[in-house]
Amino acid sequence: MKKNIWIINQTAGTPNSGWGERHYFLSKYWVKQNCNVTIFSGSYNHLFNNQPKTSGKLFTSEKIEEGIAFCWVKIKRYNPNSVFKLWSMIVFAFKMLFLPKDKFEKPHAIIISSMPLFSIIPAYFLSRRFKAKLIFEVRDLWPQTPIYLKGYSKYHPVVIVMAWLERFGYRKANHIVSVLPNAYHYINNISNNPDKFNYIPNGIDEDLVGNEILQTSIINKIPQEKFIVGYTGTIGMANAMEFLIEAVKLLKHNTKIHFVLVGDGYLKKQFIGDTKGLPNITFIDKIKKSQVQNMISYFDVCYVGRYNSPLYRHGVSYNKYFDYMLAKKPILESSSLIKDPVELSDCGIIVEPEDPKTIVDGILTIYNKSSKELDNFGMKGYKYVKKYHNFEYLSNQYLKLL
């Protein structure tokens, strides 16, 4: 008998969406193991390149391929920098309570993936209704993230609500999955059951990720015969991008090194203004996920940065690590040592966080290395990501719980 898996993740997407494909890729392998998967996601996501086509009804079902279906739950468009983003999370969770059970096969397991956290409530009640196993997947630690990165007080009303939801989820779930390797220090203190914790990180799959050629108009924006320091991803607070921007300024007179930042985010406009007139930086709009590998092929070194925050002692699982490593590129990382993929694979150089001068030193160190040394970095990362972060391996880890 086929097992039916439900995934409740308001931000889940398809390959056509251009963002949030973790559960789609896992599902590809679950289907091969005699499972059917239905993914419940929001009908609008500000991070999607392409929004789903919906019927206007409360729930719009879409069969993606054999064994994988999406159900788009109707939510209104919102400004990502407004309170309506938070409101959309509440609306999504509330509407999931009214899911018409006769239109979907009874689930054997329900995976609720945060953030957002509000959906843990309907996920719990649905798991009780269908007598299904409940798995709480944690991709970000909330409310720790707003407390450490945005300075919110632990007594802020939203933080209090988030903390309650988090505690509820950890204690009611049959299993807890975290993409952060060291999160058990934090989670086990709340769940009071260390046996629930499982580490299943983010991943990538060479057979599924795609390598679509970039448009000529985009390629022409990348300078020729320069040493390219590249970045792909969200241009926002979590990636400590302001320190890279300061490094750009420090290297403005170096005619051999050029920075290429690919992506969108609420800080992008500010950074474009800060670097106006500088000859050594190029901003490129967000591209499709299937084009990322082709874009990275034009880089000589890839950049990852983050703050020196207690939040990261739990570990990280940025998808950009795996994109970079799959492309066999050396990585320059500005961060504290926390046993992340760069440190574990020795695929690049790690410098102190929050310091533009150390970023510059790291860039110059890599720039002065031989092609053979750079290729060696790249190959180490490639072998590591193929072994420990491919979706076939990760899906099998999940199946042990399902």
Protein backbone atom coordinates (compact mmCIF):
# COMPACT_ATOMS: atom_id res chain seq x y z
CA MET A 1 0.00 0.00 0.00
CA LYS A 2 1.27 3.46 -0.87
CA LYS A 3 1.96 5.83 2.01
CA ASN A 4 0.48 9.31 1.81
CA ILE A 5 2.60 12.18 3.07
CA TRP A 6 1.24 15.66 3.67
CA ILE A 7 3.60 18.60 3.93
CA ILE A 8 2.32 21.90 5.34
CA ASN A 9 4.73 24.64 4.39
CA GLN A 10 3.37 28.05 3.40
CA THR A 11 6.57 28.91 1.52
CA ALA A 12 7.04 25.65 -0.41
CA GLY A 13 7.50 25.96 -4.16
CA THR A 14 7.97 24.03 -7.36
CA PRO A 15 10.97 24.26 -9.70
CA ASN A 16 8.91 26.77 -11.68
CA SER A 17 8.53 28.94 -8.59
CA GLY A 18 12.26 29.60 -8.39
CA TRP A 19 12.36 29.31 -4.61
CA GLY A 20 11.47 26.93 -1.76
CA GLU A 21 11.99 23.62 -3.56
CA ARG A 22 13.34 21.54 -0.61
CA HIS A 23 10.19 19.48 -0.20
CA TYR A 24 9.66 19.04 -3.91
CA PHE A 25 13.13 17.53 -4.27
CA LEU A 26 12.66 15.27 -1.25
CA SER A 27 9.30 14.18 -2.67
CA LYS A 28 10.90 13.11 -5.95
CA TYR A 29 12.68 10.35 -4.06
CA TRP A 30 9.80 9.52 -1.72
CA VAL A 31 7.67 8.77 -4.77
CA LYS A 32 10.28 6.23 -5.86
CA GLN A 33 9.79 4.56 -2.47
CA ASN A 34 6.05 4.05 -3.04
CA CYS A 35 4.76 7.27 -1.49
CA ASN A 36 2.28 9.90 -2.62
CA VAL A 37 2.96 13.47 -1.53
CA THR A 38 0.67 16.49 -1.19
CA ILE A 39 2.30 19.82 -0.38
CA PHE A 40 0.10 22.58 1.08
CA SER A 41 1.54 26.01 0.33
CA GLY A 42 0.40 29.62 0.09
CA SER A 43 -1.07 30.92 -3.16
CA TYR A 44 1.28 33.92 -2.97
CA ASN A 45 4.94 34.15 -1.97
CA HIS A 46 6.95 37.35 -2.43
CA LEU A 47 10.10 35.25 -2.99
CA PHE A 48 8.69 33.34 -5.97
CA ASN A 49 9.81 34.24 -9.48
CA ASN A 50 6.54 32.80 -10.78
CA GLN A 51 3.36 32.78 -8.71
CA PRO A 52 1.13 29.68 -8.90
CA LYS A 53 -1.98 29.77 -11.07
CA THR A 54 -5.00 29.35 -8.85
CA SER A 55 -8.73 29.11 -9.40
CA GLY A 56 -9.65 31.78 -6.88
CA LYS A 57 -11.14 29.15 -4.58
CA LEU A 58 -9.99 28.57 -1.02
CA PHE A 59 -7.97 25.51 -2.08
CA THR A 60 -6.55 24.93 -5.58
CA SER A 61 -5.09 21.49 -6.28
CA GLU A 62 -2.38 21.08 -8.91
CA LYS A 63 -0.78 17.80 -9.92
CA ILE A 64 2.89 18.53 -10.57
CA GLU A 65 3.85 15.03 -11.69
CA GLU A 66 3.12 11.42 -10.84
CA GLY A 67 2.91 11.10 -7.07
CA ILE A 68 3.44 14.81 -6.26
CA ALA A 69 0.62 17.33 -5.90
CA PHE A 70 0.42 20.87 -4.57
CA CYS A 71 -2.57 22.43 -2.87
CA TRP A 72 -2.40 26.22 -3.00
CA VAL A 73 -4.18 27.79 -0.03
CA LYS A 74 -5.61 31.18 -0.93
CA ILE A 75 -3.90 34.15 0.71
CA LYS A 76 -3.78 37.75 -0.46
CA ARG A 77 -0.70 39.45 -1.88
CA TYR A 78 1.22 41.30 0.80
CA ASN A 79 4.07 43.75 1.22
CA PRO A 80 6.97 41.68 2.64
CA ASN A 81 8.07 44.64 4.78
CA SER A 82 4.67 45.15 6.37
CA VAL A 83 2.60 43.55 9.10
CA PHE A 84 0.51 41.90 6.37
CA LYS A 85 3.28 39.33 5.85
CA LEU A 86 2.70 38.16 9.42
CA TRP A 87 -1.06 38.34 8.86
CA SER A 88 -0.77 36.06 5.81
CA MET A 89 0.83 33.41 8.05
CA ILE A 90 -2.12 33.55 10.44
CA VAL A 91 -4.64 33.42 7.57
CA PHE A 92 -2.89 30.43 6.00
CA ALA A 93 -2.92 28.51 9.29
CA PHE A 94 -6.58 29.37 9.96
CA LYS A 95 -7.71 28.21 6.51
CA MET A 96 -5.84 24.90 6.91
CA LEU A 97 -8.28 24.12 9.74
CA PHE A 98 -11.06 23.96 7.12
CA LEU A 99 -9.29 21.59 4.74
CA PRO A 100 -11.97 19.42 3.06
CA LYS A 101 -10.88 15.96 4.17
CA ASP A 102 -12.92 14.19 1.50
CA LYS A 103 -10.81 15.74 -1.31
CA PHE A 104 -7.49 14.33 -0.15
CA GLU A 105 -6.21 10.84 0.60
CA LYS A 106 -5.85 10.19 4.31
CA PRO A 107 -2.24 10.94 5.36
CA HIS A 108 -0.01 8.49 7.17
CA ALA A 109 2.35 11.29 8.16
CA ILE A 110 2.09 15.10 8.30
CA ILE A 111 5.20 17.26 8.11
CA ILE A 112 4.81 20.84 9.31
CA SER A 113 7.75 22.98 8.26
CA SER A 114 8.58 26.29 9.90
CA MET A 115 8.94 29.23 9.48
CA PRO A 116 5.96 30.13 9.71
CA LEU A 117 5.09 28.60 13.07
CA PHE A 118 1.33 29.23 13.16
CA SER A 119 0.60 26.18 11.01
CA ILE A 120 1.65 23.85 13.84
CA ILE A 121 -1.88 24.30 15.24
CA PRO A 122 -3.82 22.94 12.22
CA ALA A 123 -1.09 20.35 11.62
CA TYR A 124 -1.59 18.99 15.14
CA PHE A 125 -5.38 18.83 14.84
CA LEU A 126 -5.15 17.22 11.39
CA SER A 127 -2.73 14.61 12.73
CA ARG A 128 -5.20 13.82 15.51
CA ARG A 129 -8.13 13.67 13.09
CA PHE A 130 -6.36 11.24 10.75
CA LYS A 131 -4.30 9.44 13.41
CA ALA A 132 -1.18 10.40 11.42
CA LYS A 133 2.38 10.76 12.61
CA LEU A 134 3.32 14.43 13.17
CA ILE A 135 6.80 15.62 12.22
CA PHE A 136 7.83 19.17 13.11
CA GLU A 137 10.56 20.39 10.75
CA VAL A 138 12.50 23.43 11.92
CA ARG A 139 14.35 25.42 9.24
CA ASP A 140 14.91 28.53 11.40
CA LEU A 141 14.87 28.91 15.15
CA TRP A 142 12.03 31.24 16.07
CA PRO A 143 11.77 33.36 18.12
CA GLN A 144 15.57 33.24 18.47
CA THR A 145 16.09 34.78 15.02
CA PRO A 146 14.22 38.09 15.66
CA ILE A 147 15.68 38.32 19.15
CA TYR A 148 19.32 38.00 18.04
CA LEU A 149 19.23 39.51 14.55
CA LYS A 150 16.64 42.26 14.95
CA GLY A 151 16.96 43.07 18.62
CA TYR A 152 13.41 42.17 19.65
CA SER A 153 12.77 41.80 23.37
CA LYS A 154 11.78 38.35 24.57
CA TYR A 155 8.73 40.12 26.06
CA HIS A 156 7.55 41.46 22.70
CA PRO A 157 4.00 40.13 22.07
CA VAL A 158 4.93 38.49 18.77
CA VAL A 159 7.97 36.84 20.34
CA ILE A 160 5.84 35.52 23.21
CA VAL A 161 3.34 34.00 20.76
CA MET A 162 6.14 32.49 18.66
CA ALA A 163 7.75 30.98 21.76
CA TRP A 164 4.44 29.40 22.77
CA LEU A 165 3.89 27.94 19.30
CA GLU A 166 7.44 26.62 19.22
CA ARG A 167 7.03 24.96 22.61
CA PHE A 168 3.68 23.49 21.56
CA GLY A 169 5.18 22.03 18.37
CA TYR A 170 8.23 20.49 20.02
CA ARG A 171 6.13 18.79 22.66
CA LYS A 172 3.26 17.55 20.48
CA ALA A 173 5.31 16.26 17.52
CA ASN A 174 6.28 12.60 17.25
CA HIS A 175 9.58 13.61 15.68
CA ILE A 176 11.50 16.88 15.32
CA VAL A 177 13.68 17.49 12.27
CA SER A 178 16.17 20.35 12.21
CA VAL A 179 18.34 21.53 9.32
CA LEU A 180 20.74 22.92 11.95
CA PRO A 181 23.24 20.35 13.29
CA ASN A 182 23.67 21.79 16.78
CA ALA A 183 20.06 22.85 17.40
CA TYR A 184 19.55 19.91 19.75
CA HIS A 185 21.15 22.00 22.54
CA TYR A 186 18.20 24.39 22.28
CA ILE A 187 15.37 22.11 21.16
CA ASN A 188 15.91 19.28 23.65
CA ASN A 189 15.56 21.72 26.55
CA ILE A 190 12.08 22.56 25.33
CA SER A 191 10.86 19.17 24.09
CA ASN A 192 12.24 17.34 27.15
CA ASN A 193 12.72 14.34 24.86
CA PRO A 194 16.14 14.10 23.16
CA ASP A 195 14.99 11.01 21.22
CA LYS A 196 12.72 13.21 19.10
CA PHE A 197 15.56 15.21 17.57
CA ASN A 198 16.85 14.41 14.07
CA TYR A 199 19.33 16.36 11.95
CA ILE A 200 18.39 16.37 8.26
CA PRO A 201 20.01 19.39 6.57
CA ASN A 202 19.21 21.22 3.37
CA GLY A 203 20.61 19.70 0.22
CA ILE A 204 21.02 19.76 -3.50
CA ASP A 205 20.82 17.22 -6.28
CA GLU A 206 22.92 17.47 -9.40
CA ASP A 207 20.33 15.52 -11.41
CA LEU A 208 17.47 17.82 -10.40
CA VAL A 209 18.92 21.30 -9.95
CA GLY A 210 19.36 22.14 -13.64
CA ASN A 211 21.97 24.14 -15.52
CA GLU A 212 19.95 26.45 -17.72
CA ILE A 213 21.97 28.88 -19.82
CA LEU A 214 21.75 32.55 -18.88
CA GLN A 215 20.38 35.12 -21.26
CA THR A 216 23.04 37.00 -23.24
CA SER A 217 21.85 40.26 -21.66
CA ILE A 218 22.79 38.91 -18.22
CA ILE A 219 26.12 37.42 -19.31
CA ASN A 220 27.12 40.76 -20.82
CA LYS A 221 26.83 42.38 -17.36
CA ILE A 222 29.62 40.16 -15.99
CA PRO A 223 33.03 41.78 -16.65
CA GLN A 224 35.53 39.82 -18.74
CA GLU A 225 39.12 39.15 -17.69
CA LYS A 226 38.45 40.05 -14.05
CA PHE A 227 38.74 37.97 -10.88
CA ILE A 228 35.06 37.65 -9.94
CA VAL A 229 33.96 37.53 -6.31
CA GLY A 230 30.36 36.32 -6.58
CA TYR A 231 27.33 36.08 -4.37
CA THR A 232 23.90 34.59 -5.12
CA GLY A 233 20.93 34.79 -2.80
CA THR A 234 18.89 37.19 -0.71
CA ILE A 235 20.40 40.61 -0.22
CA GLY A 236 19.19 41.11 3.33
CA MET A 237 20.12 41.23 6.97
CA ALA A 238 20.67 37.53 7.66
CA ASN A 239 23.68 37.40 5.31
CA ALA A 240 25.59 40.36 6.84
CA MET A 241 26.02 41.87 3.39
CA GLU A 242 26.96 45.34 4.62
CA PHE A 243 30.46 44.10 5.48
CA LEU A 244 30.95 42.78 1.95
CA ILE A 245 29.83 46.18 0.63
CA GLU A 246 32.48 47.86 2.79
CA ALA A 247 35.06 45.42 1.36
CA VAL A 248 33.98 46.50 -2.13
CA LYS A 249 34.76 50.09 -1.17
CA LEU A 250 38.18 49.15 0.21
CA LEU A 251 39.06 47.45 -3.09
CA LYS A 252 37.66 50.14 -5.38
CA HIS A 253 41.12 50.97 -6.77
CA ASN A 254 41.94 47.32 -7.55
CA THR A 255 41.25 46.99 -11.27
CA LYS A 256 41.66 43.20 -11.33
CA ILE A 257 38.98 42.19 -8.79
CA HIS A 258 35.26 42.68 -9.40
CA PHE A 259 32.20 41.86 -7.28
CA VAL A 260 28.99 40.42 -8.74
CA LEU A 261 25.93 40.24 -6.46
CA VAL A 262 22.97 38.26 -7.81
CA GLY A 263 19.57 38.37 -6.17
CA ASP A 264 16.94 40.62 -4.60
CA GLY A 265 16.17 41.75 -1.08
CA TYR A 266 15.07 44.74 0.92
CA LEU A 267 18.66 46.02 1.36
CA LYS A 268 19.53 45.88 -2.33
CA LYS A 269 18.35 49.41 -3.12
CA GLN A 270 20.37 50.78 -0.20
CA PHE A 271 23.53 48.94 -1.30
CA ILE A 272 23.16 50.13 -4.88
CA GLY A 273 23.04 53.68 -3.53
CA ASP A 274 26.02 53.11 -1.23
CA THR A 275 28.18 51.86 -4.12
CA LYS A 276 26.99 54.29 -6.78
CA GLY A 277 29.88 55.25 -9.01
CA LEU A 278 32.17 52.44 -7.87
CA PRO A 279 33.68 50.62 -10.87
CA ASN A 280 34.19 47.26 -9.16
CA ILE A 281 30.68 46.03 -8.40
CA THR A 282 27.73 44.81 -10.48
CA PHE A 283 24.24 44.00 -9.22
CA ILE A 284 22.18 41.45 -11.16
CA ASP A 285 18.50 40.79 -10.52
CA LYS A 286 17.29 37.47 -9.16
CA ILE A 287 17.55 34.62 -11.66
CA LYS A 288 15.79 31.28 -11.91
CA LYS A 289 17.00 28.47 -9.66
CA SER A 290 17.79 26.44 -12.77
CA GLN A 291 20.20 29.19 -13.89
CA VAL A 292 22.18 29.50 -10.66
CA GLN A 293 24.78 26.87 -11.56
CA ASN A 294 25.44 28.58 -14.88
CA MET A 295 25.82 31.95 -13.13
CA ILE A 296 28.29 30.55 -10.59
CA SER A 297 30.42 29.17 -13.42
CA TYR A 298 31.45 32.79 -14.12
CA PHE A 299 32.70 33.30 -10.53
CA ASP A 300 36.25 32.69 -9.35
CA VAL A 301 35.33 32.61 -5.66
CA CYS A 302 31.93 32.57 -3.94
CA TYR A 303 31.09 34.56 -0.83
CA VAL A 304 29.10 33.60 2.29
CA GLY A 305 28.78 35.88 5.31
CA ARG A 306 26.89 36.12 8.57
CA TYR A 307 26.95 37.99 11.85
CA ASN A 308 28.90 37.06 14.94
CA SER A 309 25.72 36.11 16.76
CA PRO A 310 24.87 33.49 19.42
CA LEU A 311 22.09 32.41 17.03
CA TYR A 312 24.61 30.62 14.82
CA ARG A 313 26.06 28.42 17.53
CA HIS A 314 23.23 26.06 16.60
CA GLY A 315 24.70 25.73 13.10
CA VAL A 316 23.62 26.85 9.65
CA SER A 317 22.27 25.21 6.51
CA TYR A 318 22.30 27.83 3.77
CA ASN A 319 21.37 26.53 0.33
CA LYS A 320 23.98 28.80 -1.22
CA TYR A 321 26.72 26.61 0.30
CA PHE A 322 25.50 23.69 -1.76
CA ASP A 323 25.06 25.70 -4.93
CA TYR A 324 28.64 26.91 -4.65
CA MET A 325 30.06 23.51 -3.77
CA LEU A 326 28.19 21.72 -6.54
CA ALA A 327 29.72 24.22 -8.98
CA LYS A 328 33.21 23.24 -7.71
CA LYS A 329 34.05 26.78 -6.65
CA PRO A 330 36.21 27.84 -3.68
CA ILE A 331 34.30 29.67 -0.94
CA LEU A 332 35.29 32.72 1.08
CA GLU A 333 33.31 32.74 4.30
CA SER A 334 33.10 35.52 6.87
CA SER A 335 31.88 33.84 10.04
CA SER A 336 32.64 32.19 13.34
CA LEU A 337 33.74 28.56 13.24
CA ILE A 338 30.70 26.36 13.91
CA LYS A 339 31.44 23.17 11.97
CA ASP A 340 29.66 24.38 8.85
CA PRO A 341 30.16 22.89 5.36
CA VAL A 342 33.14 25.10 4.48
CA GLU A 343 35.00 24.16 7.65
CA LEU A 344 34.07 20.48 7.46
CA SER A 345 35.03 20.09 3.80
CA ASP A 346 38.00 22.50 3.76
CA CYS A 347 36.68 23.96 0.51
CA GLY A 348 37.77 27.54 1.09
CA ILE A 349 38.95 30.20 3.52
CA ILE A 350 37.12 31.38 6.65
CA VAL A 351 37.80 34.87 8.03
CA GLU A 352 36.56 36.72 11.10
CA PRO A 353 32.95 37.95 10.83
CA GLU A 354 31.81 41.58 10.76
CA ASP A 355 35.17 42.88 9.54
CA PRO A 356 35.56 44.28 6.00
CA LYS A 357 39.36 44.28 6.28
CA THR A 358 39.51 40.54 6.96
CA ILE A 359 37.18 39.98 4.00
CA VAL A 360 39.59 41.94 1.81
CA ASP A 361 42.52 39.92 3.17
CA GLY A 362 40.67 36.70 2.40
CA ILE A 363 39.88 37.81 -1.15
CA LEU A 364 43.51 38.75 -1.79
CA THR A 365 44.72 35.46 -0.31
CA ILE A 366 42.50 33.48 -2.67
CA TYR A 367 43.34 35.77 -5.59
CA ASN A 368 47.04 34.99 -5.15
CA LYS A 369 46.57 31.23 -5.06
CA SER A 370 47.31 29.11 -8.11
CA SER A 371 44.60 27.66 -10.33
CA LYS A 372 45.50 24.21 -9.02
CA GLU A 373 44.94 25.31 -5.42
CA LEU A 374 41.59 26.86 -6.29
CA ASP A 375 40.53 23.73 -8.17
CA ASN A 376 41.52 21.66 -5.14
CA PHE A 377 39.24 23.76 -2.91
CA GLY A 378 36.42 23.34 -5.39
CA MET A 379 36.81 19.58 -5.68
CA LYS A 380 36.80 19.13 -1.89
CA GLY A 381 33.50 20.98 -1.66
CA TYR A 382 32.01 19.05 -4.56
CA LYS A 383 32.84 15.65 -3.07
CA TYR A 384 31.50 16.69 0.33
CA VAL A 385 28.17 18.02 -0.93
CA LYS A 386 27.65 14.99 -3.18
CA LYS A 387 28.14 12.65 -0.23
CA TYR A 388 26.33 14.39 2.63
CA HIS A 389 23.85 16.79 1.06
CA ASN A 390 22.32 15.06 -1.93
CA PHE A 391 18.54 14.72 -1.75
CA GLU A 392 18.51 10.98 -2.30
CA TYR A 393 20.58 10.50 0.86
CA LEU A 394 18.48 13.04 2.82
CA SER A 395 15.18 11.56 1.65
CA ASN A 396 16.24 8.14 2.93
CA GLN A 397 17.05 9.69 6.32
CA TYR A 398 13.52 11.10 6.39
CA LEU A 399 11.91 7.83 5.37
CA LYS A 400 13.22 6.23 8.54
CA LEU A 401 10.90 8.59 10.43
CA LEU A 402 7.96 8.30 8.03
